Amino acid sequence: MRVIIQRSLASQVSVDQNVIGQIDSGLVLLVGFCHEDQLEDLAYCVRKICQMRLFEDHEGKMNLSIRDVEGQILSISQFTLFANTAKGNRPSFTQAARFDQAKIWYDQFNQMLRAEGLEVATGQFGGDMQVQITNQGPVTIILDSKQK
């Protein structure tokens, strides 16, 4: 499982020019699953996201978590995080989880975040989405459950 985490001032996702998910301050998560992922990969990423200190304290140091700042999450499915570009010019996505399994993992991942008390908005799994991210900092972190 891979998650690109971006600290955000305000972000939204649209489908067919209709906003379907938006947040004010918080984190945008671009989420991808590989065919080897298990429940422990989801649990690891949820734990790291909840505890990671990406927000500034009163001294300007990144010392506060999403919970500390009562931030929101915008979670966007992104199978292209498992693109293999080693050969040729067309990416291969053979490492990405199959659509049906990835949908189950994505829904479960978002439910696990909600169970931690976080407000989670989502995009449309498998949809053609337009994502607008106001990345604050900028702060962008790559989280990979296979690189613990």
C-alpha atoms as a PDB file:
ATOM      1  CA  MET A   1       0.000   0.000   0.000  1.00  0.00           C
ATOM      2  CA  ARG A   2       1.250   3.432  -0.888  1.00  0.00           C
ATOM      3  CA  VAL A   3      -0.082   6.761   0.285  1.00  0.00           C
ATOM      4  CA  ILE A   4       1.044  10.184  -0.855  1.00  0.00           C
ATOM      5  CA  ILE A   5       0.231  12.534   2.015  1.00  0.00           C
ATOM      6  CA  GLN A   6      -0.089  16.252   1.345  1.00  0.00           C
ATOM      7  CA  ARG A   7      -0.770  18.860   3.998  1.00  0.00           C
ATOM      8  CA  SER A   8      -3.608  20.979   2.686  1.00  0.00           C
ATOM      9  CA  LEU A   9      -5.207  24.345   3.383  1.00  0.00           C
ATOM     10  CA  ALA A  10      -8.271  23.493   1.293  1.00  0.00           C
ATOM     11  CA  SER A  11      -8.880  20.802  -1.302  1.00  0.00           C
ATOM     12  CA  GLN A  12     -11.701  19.268  -3.270  1.00  0.00           C
ATOM     13  CA  VAL A  13     -12.513  16.523  -5.734  1.00  0.00           C
ATOM     14  CA  SER A  14     -15.054  16.786  -8.546  1.00  0.00           C
ATOM     15  CA  VAL A  15     -16.672  14.404 -11.001  1.00  0.00           C
ATOM     16  CA  ASP A  16     -18.450  15.847 -14.038  1.00  0.00           C
ATOM     17  CA  GLN A  17     -17.955  19.361 -12.609  1.00  0.00           C
ATOM     18  CA  ASN A  18     -19.784  18.413  -9.389  1.00  0.00           C
ATOM     19  CA  VAL A  19     -17.857  18.639  -6.112  1.00  0.00           C
ATOM     20  CA  ILE A  20     -18.227  15.274  -4.370  1.00  0.00           C
ATOM     21  CA  GLY A  21     -15.693  15.707  -1.571  1.00  0.00           C
ATOM     22  CA  GLN A  22     -13.932  18.651   0.035  1.00  0.00           C
ATOM     23  CA  ILE A  23     -11.994  19.626   3.117  1.00  0.00           C
ATOM     24  CA  ASP A  24     -10.769  22.780   4.729  1.00  0.00           C
ATOM     25  CA  SER A  25      -7.517  22.273   6.639  1.00  0.00           C
ATOM     26  CA  GLY A  26      -6.042  18.780   6.862  1.00  0.00           C
ATOM     27  CA  LEU A  27      -4.493  16.082   4.703  1.00  0.00           C
ATOM     28  CA  VAL A  28      -5.053  14.916   1.157  1.00  0.00           C
ATOM     29  CA  LEU A  29      -4.278  11.221   0.777  1.00  0.00           C
ATOM     30  CA  LEU A  30      -3.591   9.717  -2.643  1.00  0.00           C
ATOM     31  CA  VAL A  31      -4.064   6.005  -1.933  1.00  0.00           C
ATOM     32  CA  GLY A  32      -2.937   2.990  -3.956  1.00  0.00           C
ATOM     33  CA  PHE A  33      -3.038  -0.744  -3.268  1.00  0.00           C
ATOM     34  CA  CYS A  34      -0.926  -3.566  -4.644  1.00  0.00           C
ATOM     35  CA  HIS A  35      -1.956  -7.179  -5.111  1.00  0.00           C
ATOM     36  CA  GLU A  36       0.174  -8.236  -2.085  1.00  0.00           C
ATOM     37  CA  ASP A  37      -1.554  -5.958   0.441  1.00  0.00           C
ATOM     38  CA  GLN A  38      -3.188  -7.392   3.539  1.00  0.00           C
ATOM     39  CA  LEU A  39      -5.208  -5.910   6.406  1.00  0.00           C
ATOM     40  CA  GLU A  40      -2.000  -5.195   8.348  1.00  0.00           C
ATOM     41  CA  ASP A  41      -0.865  -2.858   5.527  1.00  0.00           C
ATOM     42  CA  LEU A  42      -4.020  -0.799   5.970  1.00  0.00           C
ATOM     43  CA  ALA A  43      -3.659  -0.777   9.759  1.00  0.00           C
ATOM     44  CA  TYR A  44      -0.024   0.334   9.499  1.00  0.00           C
ATOM     45  CA  CYS A  45      -0.883   3.243   7.204  1.00  0.00           C
ATOM     46  CA  VAL A  46      -3.855   4.337   9.314  1.00  0.00           C
ATOM     47  CA  ARG A  47      -1.695   4.326  12.450  1.00  0.00           C
ATOM     48  CA  LYS A  48       1.086   6.324  10.767  1.00  0.00           C
ATOM     49  CA  ILE A  49      -1.343   8.873   9.280  1.00  0.00           C
ATOM     50  CA  CYS A  50      -3.058   9.417  12.638  1.00  0.00           C
ATOM     51  CA  GLN A  51       0.207   9.839  14.535  1.00  0.00           C
ATOM     52  CA  MET A  52       2.468  11.553  11.993  1.00  0.00           C
ATOM     53  CA  ARG A  53       3.378  15.079  13.107  1.00  0.00           C
ATOM     54  CA  LEU A  54       2.966  17.188   9.970  1.00  0.00           C
ATOM     55  CA  PHE A  55       1.428  20.365  11.360  1.00  0.00           C
ATOM     56  CA  GLU A  56       3.245  23.261  12.977  1.00  0.00           C
ATOM     57  CA  ASP A  57       3.030  24.058  16.671  1.00  0.00           C
ATOM     58  CA  HIS A  58       3.200  27.578  18.136  1.00  0.00           C
ATOM     59  CA  GLU A  59       6.990  27.574  17.585  1.00  0.00           C
ATOM     60  CA  GLY A  60       6.660  26.766  13.889  1.00  0.00           C
ATOM     61  CA  LYS A  61       7.920  23.178  14.239  1.00  0.00           C
ATOM     62  CA  MET A  62       6.113  20.259  12.619  1.00  0.00           C
ATOM     63  CA  ASN A  63       5.087  18.769  15.933  1.00  0.00           C
ATOM     64  CA  LEU A  64       1.305  18.279  15.721  1.00  0.00           C
ATOM     65  CA  SER A  65      -0.757  15.431  14.277  1.00  0.00           C
ATOM     66  CA  ILE A  66      -3.989  15.586  12.271  1.00  0.00           C
ATOM     67  CA  ARG A  67      -5.843  14.864  15.519  1.00  0.00           C
ATOM     68  CA  ASP A  68      -4.047  17.674  17.368  1.00  0.00           C
ATOM     69  CA  VAL A  69      -5.206  20.243  14.810  1.00  0.00           C
ATOM     70  CA  GLU A  70      -8.656  18.643  14.333  1.00  0.00           C
ATOM     71  CA  GLY A  71      -7.951  18.426  10.615  1.00  0.00           C
ATOM     72  CA  GLN A  72      -9.950  16.659   7.943  1.00  0.00           C
ATOM     73  CA  ILE A  73      -8.916  14.088   5.362  1.00  0.00           C
ATOM     74  CA  LEU A  74      -9.645  13.956   1.641  1.00  0.00           C
ATOM     75  CA  SER A  75      -8.924  10.406   0.466  1.00  0.00           C
ATOM     76  CA  ILE A  76      -8.482   9.792  -3.269  1.00  0.00           C
ATOM     77  CA  SER A  77      -7.931   6.348  -4.811  1.00  0.00           C
ATOM     78  CA  GLN A  78      -4.892   6.330  -7.103  1.00  0.00           C
ATOM     79  CA  PHE A  79      -3.880   2.998  -8.662  1.00  0.00           C
ATOM     80  CA  THR A  80      -1.176   4.786 -10.672  1.00  0.00           C
ATOM     81  CA  LEU A  81       0.996   4.883  -7.526  1.00  0.00           C
ATOM     82  CA  PHE A  82       2.015   1.357  -8.538  1.00  0.00           C
ATOM     83  CA  ALA A  83       3.090   2.280 -12.073  1.00  0.00           C
ATOM     84  CA  ASN A  84       6.206   0.520 -13.300  1.00  0.00           C
ATOM     85  CA  THR A  85       8.108   2.702 -15.750  1.00  0.00           C
ATOM     86  CA  ALA A  86      11.228   0.539 -16.112  1.00  0.00           C
ATOM     87  CA  LYS A  87      10.527  -0.586 -19.676  1.00  0.00           C
ATOM     88  CA  GLY A  88       9.342   1.521 -22.578  1.00  0.00           C
ATOM     89  CA  ASN A  89       7.297   4.684 -22.376  1.00  0.00           C
ATOM     90  CA  ARG A  90       3.952   3.244 -21.360  1.00  0.00           C
ATOM     91  CA  PRO A  91       3.616   2.536 -17.612  1.00  0.00           C
ATOM     92  CA  SER A  92       2.672  -0.962 -16.525  1.00  0.00           C
ATOM     93  CA  PHE A  93       0.179  -1.357 -13.679  1.00  0.00           C
ATOM     94  CA  THR A  94       0.538  -5.100 -13.074  1.00  0.00           C
ATOM     95  CA  GLN A  95       1.571  -4.522  -9.442  1.00  0.00           C
ATOM     96  CA  ALA A  96      -1.642  -2.622  -8.662  1.00  0.00           C
ATOM     97  CA  ALA A  97      -4.427  -4.552  -6.947  1.00  0.00           C
ATOM     98  CA  ARG A  98      -7.348  -5.723  -9.077  1.00  0.00           C
ATOM     99  CA  PHE A  99     -10.250  -3.278  -9.197  1.00  0.00           C
ATOM    100  CA  ASP A 100     -12.611  -5.311  -7.003  1.00  0.00           C
ATOM    101  CA  GLN A 101     -10.020  -5.975  -4.271  1.00  0.00           C
ATOM    102  CA  ALA A 102      -8.706  -2.399  -4.348  1.00  0.00           C
ATOM    103  CA  LYS A 103     -12.271  -1.077  -3.895  1.00  0.00           C
ATOM    104  CA  ILE A 104     -12.725  -3.253  -0.804  1.00  0.00           C
ATOM    105  CA  TRP A 105      -9.382  -2.092   0.638  1.00  0.00           C
ATOM    106  CA  TYR A 106     -10.125   1.567  -0.164  1.00  0.00           C
ATOM    107  CA  ASP A 107     -13.525   1.472   1.553  1.00  0.00           C
ATOM    108  CA  GLN A 108     -12.065  -0.346   4.553  1.00  0.00           C
ATOM    109  CA  PHE A 109      -9.120   2.057   4.795  1.00  0.00           C
ATOM    110  CA  ASN A 110     -11.478   5.054   4.910  1.00  0.00           C
ATOM    111  CA  GLN A 111     -13.674   3.336   7.519  1.00  0.00           C
ATOM    112  CA  MET A 112     -10.599   2.645   9.641  1.00  0.00           C
ATOM    113  CA  LEU A 113      -9.673   6.346   9.510  1.00  0.00           C
ATOM    114  CA  ARG A 114     -13.228   7.280  10.520  1.00  0.00           C
ATOM    115  CA  ALA A 115     -13.086   4.760  13.376  1.00  0.00           C
ATOM    116  CA  GLU A 116     -10.091   6.760  14.656  1.00  0.00           C
ATOM    117  CA  GLY A 117     -12.365   9.794  14.946  1.00  0.00           C
ATOM    118  CA  LEU A 118     -11.244  11.543  11.761  1.00  0.00           C
ATOM    119  CA  GLU A 119     -13.573  13.281   9.330  1.00  0.00           C
ATOM    120  CA  VAL A 120     -12.961  11.698   5.907  1.00  0.00           C
ATOM    121  CA  ALA A 121     -14.234  12.930   2.542  1.00  0.00           C
ATOM    122  CA  THR A 122     -13.591  10.771  -0.514  1.00  0.00           C
ATOM    123  CA  GLY A 123     -13.477  10.813  -4.248  1.00  0.00           C
ATOM    124  CA  GLN A 124     -15.231   8.323  -6.508  1.00  0.00           C
ATOM    125  CA  PHE A 125     -13.352   5.036  -6.671  1.00  0.00           C
ATOM    126  CA  GLY A 126     -12.445   4.288 -10.284  1.00  0.00           C
ATOM    127  CA  GLY A 127     -13.963   7.567 -11.440  1.00  0.00           C
ATOM    128  CA  ASP A 128     -12.534  10.254 -13.693  1.00  0.00           C
ATOM    129  CA  MET A 129     -11.878  12.854 -11.004  1.00  0.00           C
ATOM    130  CA  GLN A 130     -10.540  16.381 -10.982  1.00  0.00           C
ATOM    131  CA  VAL A 131      -8.611  17.027  -7.774  1.00  0.00           C
ATOM    132  CA  GLN A 132      -7.695  20.503  -6.580  1.00  0.00           C
ATOM    133  CA  ILE A 133      -5.110  20.535  -3.803  1.00  0.00           C
ATOM    134  CA  THR A 134      -3.796  23.597  -2.032  1.00  0.00           C
ATOM    135  CA  ASN A 135      -0.647  22.032  -0.617  1.00  0.00           C
ATOM    136  CA  GLN A 136       0.471  23.938   2.467  1.00  0.00           C
ATOM    137  CA  GLY A 137       4.206  24.240   2.992  1.00  0.00           C
ATOM    138  CA  PRO A 138       4.485  22.444   0.629  1.00  0.00           C
ATOM    139  CA  VAL A 139       4.516  19.263   2.702  1.00  0.00           C
ATOM    140  CA  THR A 140       4.406  15.978   0.790  1.00  0.00           C
ATOM    141  CA  ILE A 141       5.230  12.605   2.373  1.00  0.00           C
ATOM    142  CA  ILE A 142       5.424   9.186   0.704  1.00  0.00           C
ATOM    143  CA  LEU A 143       4.228   6.316   2.907  1.00  0.00           C
ATOM    144  CA  ASP A 144       4.780   2.715   1.756  1.00  0.00           C
ATOM    145  CA  SER A 145       3.550  -0.120   3.967  1.00  0.00           C
ATOM    146  CA  LYS A 146       6.271  -2.419   2.600  1.00  0.00           C
ATOM    147  CA  GLN A 147       9.008  -0.045   3.804  1.00  0.00           C
ATOM    148  CA  LYS A 148       8.429  -0.147   7.545  1.00  0.00           C
END
